Amino acid sequence: MICNALDLIDEYNEYVSVCSLDVFEMSQDEWSYLRQIKQVFEKFDEFTCIVSKNDPQITMSLPIYYALCDHLSDIKDQEKEYKDFDHRIISAVKVGYSHFEKYYDGMDANDTYFIAASLDPRFKMSLIEQVCHEDDVNDIKSHLKNKLKKMYPQESDQAVNTTEPKGLLSKQTKSII
């Protein structure tokens, strides 16, 4: 709706003027405020469309969360194109960011997202290398490798049953067949 309003500023202003609706006249500051709000929400719209159009996959969670974190951090810290943003928007983003951090930290603490990304044949470790800080990548790789080894020990790590030759059916199994 904000996008539509911004696309139709001239038409809106003309309508307000022709219909003597001065109470609904918007100043340049108000239009600027709407442009800033639109800019804040564009990333959310982009990621919502990505998840909605494709089959949602857990591996998409990492890059989306990390990109949103960067986006919200830039706004709350008034960096890049957000340095002159309205203080009300900055305040609102700071409040929203504090809520977002809870989920972001939960994602960072949960190995599931990292394991899913590392096991996805399309990404393997490249996704983790892209979204994580360079200094953390080796630690994450090592942690995941150890975690997966514990979860799925190799056959040589397990006690081998020496009572029957490997690959032959037991007498009980043969009698069932």
Foldseek 3Di string as FASTA:
>chain_A
DLVVCLVCVVVVQVVCVVVVVVVPDDDPVRNVLSVVVCVLCVLVVVVVCVCVVDPDDLLVVQVSLLVNLVSLVCQLVCHDPNVPHDPVVNVVSVVVNVVSVVVVVVVVVDCPNVLRQLPPVVHNLNSVCVRDDVVCSVVNVVVSVVVVCVVPPDPVVDDDDPPDPPPDDDPVVVVVD
